[in-house]
Protein backbone atom coordinates (compact mmCIF):
# COMPACT_ATOMS: atom_id res chain seq x y z
CA UNK A 1 -88.30 -3.59 45.73
CA UNK A 2 -87.42 -6.12 48.41
CA UNK A 3 -89.23 -6.19 51.72
CA UNK A 4 -89.99 -8.46 54.67
CA UNK A 5 -93.77 -8.32 54.69
CA UNK A 6 -95.92 -6.14 56.90
CA UNK A 7 -94.10 -4.81 59.93
CA UNK A 8 -96.38 -6.51 62.49
CA UNK A 9 -95.99 -9.94 60.85
CA UNK A 10 -92.50 -9.75 59.49
CA UNK A 11 -89.94 -12.43 60.18
CA UNK A 12 -86.37 -13.06 59.07
CA UNK A 13 -85.73 -12.62 55.36
CA UNK A 14 -82.56 -14.11 53.90
CA UNK A 15 -81.92 -13.26 50.26
CA UNK A 16 -78.72 -14.25 48.45
CA UNK A 17 -77.68 -13.53 44.86
CA UNK A 18 -74.82 -15.84 43.88
CA UNK A 19 -72.91 -15.83 40.57
CA UNK A 20 -75.23 -13.25 39.01
CA UNK A 21 -74.53 -10.86 36.14
CA UNK A 22 -76.17 -7.43 35.95
CA UNK A 23 -75.22 -6.10 32.52
CA UNK A 24 -76.29 -3.41 30.07
CA UNK A 25 -79.16 -2.00 32.12
CA UNK A 26 -80.31 1.61 31.92
CA UNK A 27 -82.11 3.64 34.57
CA UNK A 28 -82.06 7.04 36.21
CA UNK A 29 -80.98 5.39 39.48
CA UNK A 30 -79.84 1.86 40.30
CA UNK A 31 -79.67 0.39 36.82
CA UNK A 32 -78.22 -2.87 38.12
CA UNK A 33 -79.63 -3.02 41.65
CA UNK A 34 -81.74 -0.50 43.56
CA UNK A 35 -82.44 -1.15 47.25
CA UNK A 36 -84.54 0.76 49.76
CA UNK A 37 -83.57 -0.21 53.29
CA UNK A 38 -85.60 0.98 56.28
CA UNK A 39 -82.55 0.90 58.52
CA UNK A 40 -79.88 -1.20 60.16
CA UNK A 41 -80.66 -0.66 63.83
CA UNK A 42 -83.40 -3.32 64.02
CA UNK A 43 -81.51 -5.93 62.05
CA UNK A 44 -80.34 -7.63 65.25
CA UNK A 45 -84.00 -8.32 66.04
CA UNK A 46 -85.26 -9.27 62.60
CA UNK A 47 -82.09 -11.11 61.55
CA UNK A 48 -82.82 -10.23 57.91
CA UNK A 49 -80.05 -10.33 55.35
CA UNK A 50 -79.45 -9.62 51.70
CA UNK A 51 -76.14 -10.50 50.10
CA UNK A 52 -74.52 -10.51 46.67
CA UNK A 53 -71.73 -13.02 46.13
CA UNK A 54 -69.37 -13.64 43.21
CA UNK A 55 -71.40 -11.32 40.99
CA UNK A 56 -70.63 -8.95 38.13
CA UNK A 57 -72.00 -5.48 37.28
CA UNK A 58 -71.05 -4.59 33.71
CA UNK A 59 -71.92 -1.67 31.39
CA UNK A 60 -74.84 -0.40 33.43
CA UNK A 61 -75.91 3.21 32.82
CA UNK A 62 -77.53 4.95 35.76
CA UNK A 63 -75.28 3.54 38.51
CA UNK A 64 -74.65 -0.16 38.96
CA UNK A 65 -75.95 -0.14 42.55
CA UNK A 66 -78.04 2.45 44.43
CA UNK A 67 -78.79 1.74 48.10
CA UNK A 68 -80.61 4.35 50.13
CA UNK A 69 -82.71 4.72 53.23
CA UNK A 70 -86.43 4.18 52.94
CA UNK A 71 -88.53 6.96 54.44
CA UNK A 72 -90.53 5.16 57.09
CA UNK A 73 -94.32 5.43 57.29
CA UNK A 74 -94.50 6.13 53.58
CA UNK A 75 -94.63 2.44 52.67
CA UNK A 76 -96.63 -0.42 54.16
CA UNK A 77 -93.69 -2.80 54.23
CA UNK A 78 -90.22 -2.32 55.64
CA UNK A 79 -86.96 -4.19 55.26
CA UNK A 80 -84.18 -3.97 57.83
CA UNK A 81 -80.79 -5.27 56.77
CA UNK A 82 -77.12 -4.53 56.19
CA UNK A 83 -76.55 -5.41 52.52
CA UNK A 84 -73.33 -7.35 51.97
CA UNK A 85 -71.20 -7.66 48.83
CA UNK A 86 -68.65 -10.46 48.62
CA UNK A 87 -66.16 -11.07 45.79
CA UNK A 88 -67.93 -8.75 43.34
CA UNK A 89 -66.70 -6.90 40.25
CA UNK A 90 -67.99 -3.53 38.99
CA UNK A 91 -66.69 -2.65 35.53
CA UNK A 92 -67.48 -0.18 32.72
CA UNK A 93 -70.48 1.28 34.57
CA UNK A 94 -71.59 4.93 34.59
CA UNK A 95 -73.53 6.98 37.11
CA UNK A 96 -76.95 8.56 37.28
CA UNK A 97 -78.45 9.67 33.99
CA UNK A 98 -79.64 12.92 35.56
CA UNK A 99 -77.60 16.13 35.57
CA UNK A 100 -77.22 16.03 39.35
CA UNK A 101 -73.49 15.63 39.99
CA UNK A 102 -74.04 14.42 43.55
CA UNK A 103 -75.68 11.23 42.27
CA UNK A 104 -73.14 10.34 39.59
CA UNK A 105 -71.50 7.21 40.95
CA UNK A 106 -71.03 3.58 40.06
CA UNK A 107 -72.06 2.47 43.56
CA UNK A 108 -74.12 5.01 45.56
CA UNK A 109 -74.88 4.57 49.28
CA UNK A 110 -77.10 7.10 51.05
CA UNK A 111 -77.85 7.17 54.80
CA UNK A 112 -77.52 3.43 55.32
CA UNK A 113 -74.89 0.82 56.26
CA UNK A 114 -73.33 -1.52 53.69
CA UNK A 115 -70.72 -4.25 54.17
CA UNK A 116 -68.01 -5.56 51.84
CA UNK A 117 -66.33 -8.93 52.25
CA UNK A 118 -63.73 -10.92 50.35
CA UNK A 119 -62.11 -9.35 47.28
CA UNK A 120 -64.12 -6.63 45.54
CA UNK A 121 -63.05 -4.74 42.41
CA UNK A 122 -64.06 -1.42 40.83
CA UNK A 123 -62.46 -1.12 37.40
CA UNK A 124 -62.74 1.35 34.52
CA UNK A 125 -66.02 2.87 35.62
CA UNK A 126 -66.94 6.21 34.08
CA UNK A 127 -68.20 7.81 37.30
CA UNK A 128 -66.89 7.70 40.87
CA UNK A 129 -66.48 4.07 41.91
CA UNK A 130 -67.99 4.33 45.39
CA UNK A 131 -69.89 7.38 46.66
CA UNK A 132 -70.91 7.39 50.33
CA UNK A 133 -73.41 10.03 51.49
CA UNK A 134 -73.86 10.22 55.28
CA UNK A 135 -73.50 6.45 55.37
CA UNK A 136 -71.25 3.77 56.86
CA UNK A 137 -69.27 1.20 54.90
CA UNK A 138 -67.68 -1.72 56.76
CA UNK A 139 -64.92 -3.95 55.41
CA UNK A 140 -64.75 -7.43 56.91
CA UNK A 141 -61.56 -9.10 58.09
CA UNK A 142 -59.29 -10.70 55.45
CA UNK A 143 -60.74 -8.59 52.63
CA UNK A 144 -59.48 -6.30 49.88
CA UNK A 145 -60.93 -3.36 47.96
CA UNK A 146 -59.37 -2.58 44.58
CA UNK A 147 -60.03 0.56 42.53
CA UNK A 148 -58.37 0.76 39.10
CA UNK A 149 -58.76 3.28 36.28
CA UNK A 150 -62.01 4.82 37.49
CA UNK A 151 -62.86 8.44 36.78
CA UNK A 152 -65.41 10.82 38.19
CA UNK A 153 -66.17 14.00 40.08
CA UNK A 154 -64.86 14.92 42.58
CA UNK A 155 -62.93 11.63 42.86
CA UNK A 156 -62.28 8.68 40.61
CA UNK A 157 -62.36 5.95 43.26
CA UNK A 158 -64.15 6.95 46.51
CA UNK A 159 -66.06 10.08 47.56
CA UNK A 160 -67.50 10.58 51.06
CA UNK A 161 -69.65 13.45 52.33
CA UNK A 162 -71.37 14.38 55.56
CA UNK A 163 -71.06 11.93 58.46
CA UNK A 164 -69.77 9.11 56.26
CA UNK A 165 -67.29 6.55 57.56
CA UNK A 166 -65.32 3.59 56.23
CA UNK A 167 -64.70 1.09 59.04
CA UNK A 168 -62.44 -1.90 58.57
CA UNK A 169 -61.18 -4.90 60.50
CA UNK A 170 -57.72 -6.48 60.51
CA UNK A 171 -55.97 -7.89 57.44
CA UNK A 172 -57.56 -5.50 54.96
CA UNK A 173 -55.90 -4.12 51.82
CA UNK A 174 -56.99 -1.08 49.79
CA UNK A 175 -55.49 -0.67 46.29
CA UNK A 176 -55.90 2.57 44.33
CA UNK A 177 -54.28 2.57 40.88
CA UNK A 178 -54.54 5.22 38.14
CA UNK A 179 -57.88 6.69 39.15
CA UNK A 180 -58.70 10.17 37.88
CA UNK A 181 -61.03 12.79 39.35
CA UNK A 182 -61.83 16.47 39.01
CA UNK A 183 -60.27 17.10 42.45
CA UNK A 184 -58.47 13.89 43.44
CA UNK A 185 -57.96 10.43 42.04
CA UNK A 186 -58.31 8.13 45.05
CA UNK A 187 -60.26 9.43 48.08
CA UNK A 188 -62.29 12.62 48.55
CA UNK A 189 -63.88 13.48 51.89
CA UNK A 190 -65.94 16.62 52.46
CA UNK A 191 -67.46 17.28 55.85
CA UNK A 192 -70.64 19.34 55.55
CA UNK A 193 -71.08 19.92 59.27
CA UNK A 194 -68.93 22.38 61.27
CA UNK A 195 -69.22 20.17 64.36
CA UNK A 196 -67.66 17.23 62.55
CA UNK A 197 -64.93 19.42 61.12
CA UNK A 198 -63.95 21.37 64.23
CA UNK A 199 -64.88 19.08 67.14
CA UNK A 200 -65.12 15.44 66.13
CA UNK A 201 -62.24 13.03 66.78
CA UNK A 202 -63.74 10.40 64.48
CA UNK A 203 -61.84 10.11 61.21
CA UNK A 204 -63.68 9.21 58.00
CA UNK A 205 -61.51 6.08 57.76
CA UNK A 206 -61.37 4.10 60.98
CA UNK A 207 -60.21 0.71 62.16
CA UNK A 208 -62.55 -1.24 64.38
CA UNK A 209 -59.45 -1.96 66.49
CA UNK A 210 -57.46 0.63 68.42
CA UNK A 211 -54.24 -0.80 67.01
CA UNK A 212 -55.08 -2.24 63.58
CA UNK A 213 -53.13 -5.21 62.32
CA UNK A 214 -52.18 -5.52 58.64
CA UNK A 215 -54.37 -2.71 57.29
CA UNK A 216 -52.66 -1.25 54.24
CA UNK A 217 -53.49 1.43 51.69
CA UNK A 218 -51.54 1.42 48.39
CA UNK A 219 -51.70 4.39 45.99
CA UNK A 220 -50.17 4.51 42.49
CA UNK A 221 -50.75 6.96 39.63
CA UNK A 222 -53.90 8.68 40.92
CA UNK A 223 -54.54 12.17 39.52
CA UNK A 224 -54.50 15.10 40.00
CA UNK A 225 -53.74 14.35 43.67
CA UNK A 226 -54.37 11.30 45.84
CA UNK A 227 -56.42 12.18 48.96
CA UNK A 228 -58.48 15.29 49.71
CA UNK A 229 -60.06 15.98 53.11
CA UNK A 230 -61.83 19.08 54.39
CA UNK A 231 -59.30 19.26 57.21
CA UNK A 232 -56.97 17.00 59.15
CA UNK A 233 -58.33 17.88 62.60
CA UNK A 234 -60.50 14.82 63.25
CA UNK A 235 -58.01 12.32 61.81
CA UNK A 236 -55.09 13.88 63.69
CA UNK A 237 -56.85 13.58 67.03
CA UNK A 238 -58.13 10.11 66.23
CA UNK A 239 -54.52 8.95 66.26
CA UNK A 240 -53.44 10.76 69.42
CA UNK A 241 -51.66 8.29 71.68
CA UNK A 242 -51.16 8.24 75.43
CA UNK A 243 -48.20 10.61 75.06
CA UNK A 244 -50.64 13.20 73.62
CA UNK A 245 -48.48 13.72 70.55
CA UNK A 246 -50.65 14.84 67.66
CA UNK A 247 -49.41 13.69 64.23
CA UNK A 248 -49.16 16.42 61.62
CA UNK A 249 -50.15 14.04 58.83
CA UNK A 250 -52.11 10.97 59.98
CA UNK A 251 -51.92 9.36 56.53
CA UNK A 252 -48.43 7.89 56.77
CA UNK A 253 -46.84 4.46 57.07
CA UNK A 254 -45.58 5.01 60.62
CA UNK A 255 -45.57 1.91 62.80
CA UNK A 256 -47.99 3.36 65.36
CA UNK A 257 -50.59 4.76 62.96
CA UNK A 258 -54.07 3.96 64.23
CA UNK A 259 -55.54 4.23 60.72
CA UNK A 260 -53.26 1.70 59.05
CA UNK A 261 -50.25 1.96 56.76
CA UNK A 262 -50.31 4.33 53.78
CA UNK A 263 -47.92 3.80 50.86
CA UNK A 264 -47.72 6.42 48.09
CA UNK A 265 -45.74 5.21 45.09
CA UNK A 266 -45.58 8.57 43.27
CA UNK A 267 -42.82 10.89 44.44
CA UNK A 268 -43.58 13.85 42.18
CA UNK A 269 -47.04 14.90 43.34
CA UNK A 270 -49.07 15.96 46.34
CA UNK A 271 -50.60 13.01 48.15
CA UNK A 272 -52.75 14.40 50.96
CA UNK A 273 -54.31 17.86 50.63
CA UNK A 274 -56.97 19.83 52.51
CA UNK A 275 -59.06 22.91 51.95
CA UNK A 276 -57.12 26.16 51.80
CA UNK A 277 -56.27 27.43 55.27
CA UNK A 278 -53.86 30.24 54.34
CA UNK A 279 -52.58 32.13 51.31
CA UNK A 280 -49.73 34.24 49.96
CA UNK A 281 -50.16 37.37 47.85
CA UNK A 282 -46.90 38.58 46.32
CA UNK A 283 -48.04 42.06 45.24
CA UNK A 284 -49.63 45.03 47.01
CA UNK A 285 -52.20 45.52 44.26
CA UNK A 286 -53.33 43.87 41.04
CA UNK A 287 -53.88 45.87 37.85
CA UNK A 288 -56.44 44.60 35.34
CA UNK A 289 -57.10 45.65 31.76
CA UNK A 290 -60.88 45.64 31.11
CA UNK A 291 -61.82 42.40 29.37
CA UNK A 292 -58.40 40.72 29.53
CA UNK A 293 -57.99 37.62 31.66
CA UNK A 294 -55.23 37.63 34.23
CA UNK A 295 -53.59 34.94 36.32
CA UNK A 296 -53.78 36.09 39.91
CA UNK A 297 -50.51 36.31 41.90
CA UNK A 298 -52.11 34.39 44.76
CA UNK A 299 -50.97 31.08 46.23
CA UNK A 300 -53.34 29.03 48.38
CA UNK A 301 -51.88 26.72 51.05
CA UNK A 302 -53.46 23.80 52.90
CA UNK A 303 -53.09 22.47 56.45
CA UNK A 304 -49.71 20.97 55.57
CA UNK A 305 -48.41 24.19 53.98
CA UNK A 306 -48.65 22.76 50.45
CA UNK A 307 -49.46 24.79 47.35
CA UNK A 308 -52.99 23.76 46.31
CA UNK A 309 -53.75 26.72 44.04
CA UNK A 310 -54.43 24.57 40.97
CA UNK A 311 -57.21 22.60 42.67
CA UNK A 312 -58.72 25.47 44.68
CA UNK A 313 -62.09 26.84 43.59
CA UNK A 314 -63.19 30.26 44.79
CA UNK A 315 -65.95 32.80 44.28
CA UNK A 316 -64.67 36.30 43.43
CA UNK A 317 -66.52 39.32 44.75
CA UNK A 318 -66.04 43.08 44.48
CA UNK A 319 -66.60 44.29 48.04
CA UNK A 320 -66.44 48.05 47.43
CA UNK A 321 -67.16 50.21 44.41
CA UNK A 322 -65.08 53.09 43.24
CA UNK A 323 -66.11 56.67 42.42
CA UNK A 324 -65.73 57.57 38.77
CA UNK A 325 -66.37 61.04 37.44
CA UNK A 326 -69.33 60.98 35.11
CA UNK A 327 -70.08 57.32 35.82
CA UNK A 328 -71.45 57.35 39.36
CA UNK A 329 -73.65 54.33 38.64
CA UNK A 330 -70.91 52.25 37.04
CA UNK A 331 -69.25 49.33 38.80
CA UNK A 332 -66.58 46.79 38.06
CA UNK A 333 -68.15 43.56 36.88
CA UNK A 334 -66.65 40.11 37.35
CA UNK A 335 -67.28 38.00 34.25
CA UNK A 336 -66.97 34.64 36.03
CA UNK A 337 -68.84 33.72 39.22
CA UNK A 338 -66.69 30.65 39.88
CA UNK A 339 -62.95 30.46 39.29
CA UNK A 340 -61.04 27.20 39.27
CA UNK A 341 -57.90 27.90 37.26
CA UNK A 342 -56.80 31.04 39.15
CA UNK A 343 -57.55 33.28 36.15
CA UNK A 344 -59.98 36.15 36.41
CA UNK A 345 -61.42 38.70 33.97
CA UNK A 346 -62.97 42.03 34.94
CA UNK A 347 -64.85 44.57 32.83
CA UNK A 348 -65.80 48.15 33.59
CA UNK A 349 -64.62 51.75 33.42
CA UNK A 350 -61.02 52.48 34.44
CA UNK A 351 -60.69 53.32 38.12
CA UNK A 352 -58.61 56.44 37.42
CA UNK A 353 -56.08 55.61 40.10
CA UNK A 354 -58.62 54.59 42.73
CA UNK A 355 -58.30 51.16 44.33
CA UNK A 356 -61.15 48.82 45.12
CA UNK A 357 -61.13 45.47 46.92
CA UNK A 358 -61.40 42.05 45.33
CA UNK A 359 -62.40 39.26 47.72
CA UNK A 360 -61.74 35.62 46.85
CA UNK A 361 -64.09 33.37 48.84
CA UNK A 362 -62.72 29.84 48.83
CA UNK A 363 -65.27 27.07 48.33
CA UNK A 364 -65.54 24.86 51.40
CA UNK A 365 -66.52 24.62 55.03
CA UNK A 366 -63.90 26.95 56.49
CA UNK A 367 -65.32 30.16 55.08
CA UNK A 368 -61.77 31.21 54.18
CA UNK A 369 -61.24 34.29 52.03
CA UNK A 370 -58.46 36.62 50.92
CA UNK A 371 -58.84 40.31 50.03
CA UNK A 372 -56.66 42.07 47.45
CA UNK A 373 -56.62 45.75 46.33
CA UNK A 374 -57.17 46.09 42.58
CA UNK A 375 -57.41 48.77 39.92
CA UNK A 376 -58.80 48.83 36.39
CA UNK A 377 -56.41 50.39 33.86
CA UNK A 378 -57.27 52.46 30.78
CA UNK A 379 -57.30 50.58 27.50
CA UNK A 380 -53.87 50.22 25.82
CA UNK A 381 -52.99 52.48 22.91
CA UNK A 382 -55.06 51.56 19.87
CA UNK A 383 -57.73 49.78 21.92
CA UNK A 384 -61.13 51.24 22.77
CA UNK A 385 -63.69 50.50 25.48
CA UNK A 386 -66.72 49.00 23.74
CA UNK A 387 -70.34 48.77 24.92
CA UNK A 388 -69.60 45.68 26.99
CA UNK A 389 -66.90 47.69 28.81
CA UNK A 390 -64.10 45.53 27.43
CA UNK A 391 -60.99 46.80 25.65
CA UNK A 392 -61.23 45.86 21.97
CA UNK A 393 -58.81 46.34 19.11
CA UNK A 394 -59.97 49.37 17.12
CA UNK A 395 -59.09 47.63 13.85
CA UNK A 396 -61.94 45.13 14.24
CA UNK A 397 -64.51 47.87 14.88
CA UNK A 398 -64.77 48.90 11.23
CA UNK A 399 -68.14 50.59 11.54
CA UNK A 400 -66.84 52.94 14.19
CA UNK A 401 -63.84 54.12 12.15
CA UNK A 402 -61.84 54.76 15.29
CA UNK A 403 -58.35 55.15 13.87
CA UNK A 404 -57.18 54.90 10.27
CA UNK A 405 -53.87 53.14 9.85
CA UNK A 406 -54.29 50.46 12.53
CA UNK A 407 -54.49 47.13 10.71
CA UNK A 408 -54.67 44.69 13.59
CA UNK A 409 -53.64 43.83 17.12
CA UNK A 410 -51.57 41.31 19.04
CA UNK A 411 -54.12 40.19 21.64
CA UNK A 412 -51.52 38.44 23.78
CA UNK A 413 -49.39 41.57 24.18
CA UNK A 414 -52.33 43.96 23.55
CA UNK A 415 -50.30 45.97 21.02
CA UNK A 416 -51.30 47.27 17.56
CA UNK A 417 -50.03 46.86 13.98
CA UNK A 418 -49.76 50.01 11.81
CA UNK A 419 -49.57 50.65 8.09
CA UNK A 420 -46.02 51.37 6.82
CA UNK A 421 -44.74 54.87 7.72
CA UNK A 422 -47.60 55.54 10.16
CA UNK A 423 -47.00 56.73 13.71
CA UNK A 424 -49.19 56.53 16.77
CA UNK A 425 -49.01 58.70 19.87
CA UNK A 426 -50.50 61.38 22.05
CA UNK A 427 -50.45 65.13 21.53
CA UNK A 428 -51.38 67.36 24.42
CA UNK A 429 -53.80 65.49 26.67
CA UNK A 430 -52.96 61.90 27.56
CA UNK A 431 -56.31 60.68 26.25
CA UNK A 432 -56.00 62.48 22.89
CA UNK A 433 -54.65 59.67 20.70
CA UNK A 434 -53.37 60.65 17.27
CA UNK A 435 -52.39 58.52 14.29
CA UNK A 436 -50.95 59.84 11.02
CA UNK A 437 -48.57 59.16 8.15
CA UNK A 438 -46.98 62.57 8.71
CA UNK A 439 -45.09 63.31 11.89
CA UNK A 440 -45.90 67.01 11.57
CA UNK A 441 -49.53 66.90 10.56
CA UNK A 442 -50.98 66.38 14.01
CA UNK A 443 -53.98 64.78 12.31
């Protein structure tokens, strides 16, 4: 823990780490370096500084660097500074050793300001390279930030949440190469405040100049997509010029872009995506077989009209229940509370022709949802509804002795296999299934 002495007697503190190696350390947080900073607003008075130059963070487990805001009045000593990292390399590090996903990052910054200068590299780290939580990161003039082969959740390279910002000066280069994340490879930004999302004109990436000079973003081979933002509203308006023209996509390499120049070197993938803002449903109703997963005929679209179904997570909900003769207390049950691959499985009693509503609530700030009529079908011929209210092949329920002659089932097609010369069908009522080796026996 670094501090500047008691608050009433504190003077300038200048601490510099030069040509240092932080390697092979293990901790729950900040295995390489852990800093508690009281704040940045008084740094102009105290003139305190802490900097890391030409240093290496290698194979640390529990995040290479963790910088967060100190809760004032809980400690006798306070330290005001803007930590600075110059010409540093972060390689083969992993994030927090806890199960909290929000803290899994190579370099974690929380509610504080941090500066980068010179040429800094994040390479082959096993959790998000740089995670910024309601914090500000500044990039000095004539600097570069390189992210290569990092992986993490939700992004491989950089993840920002809340009121976070990346501010940069002129002559700055960002390189993102072959980073992989659960949602995006390069940059993920999620606004957690409706005011920021709907009203703010401050983009999460911002030049300190109105017309930035030589600020360039390069993207190559980042998966599954490149940039994810909650919505484009704030970044669109941030780049509104005197002619009041609002750019549809502010992340381009147009000559008058106030954010810089963006170059995407992959032509076969989505580059900039947002939360779902609309959807397409190609059927009037969806029919489910109890217990069998089904890919939903729903397409989710983002602010740019792009298909983002594969990366959209939603929470399914049955909004109304159906009447069922003899089963007034029975309901359709959704087996999964969170769906990320657009497949859904329902169990329950058949709806006997009645429709109920399935609501898909998309994860995110917009509170977007889509409602679809559904029905639950009777089990296919040769299948029976078991105690878990799923359709099961009768051949595997030996103790029940449902139907002699059925030897197995094709679970993909939900069809049955019979012994030679056996027939299967209905006589009289539609639910009176018969199976026999004699067409005339009716047994």
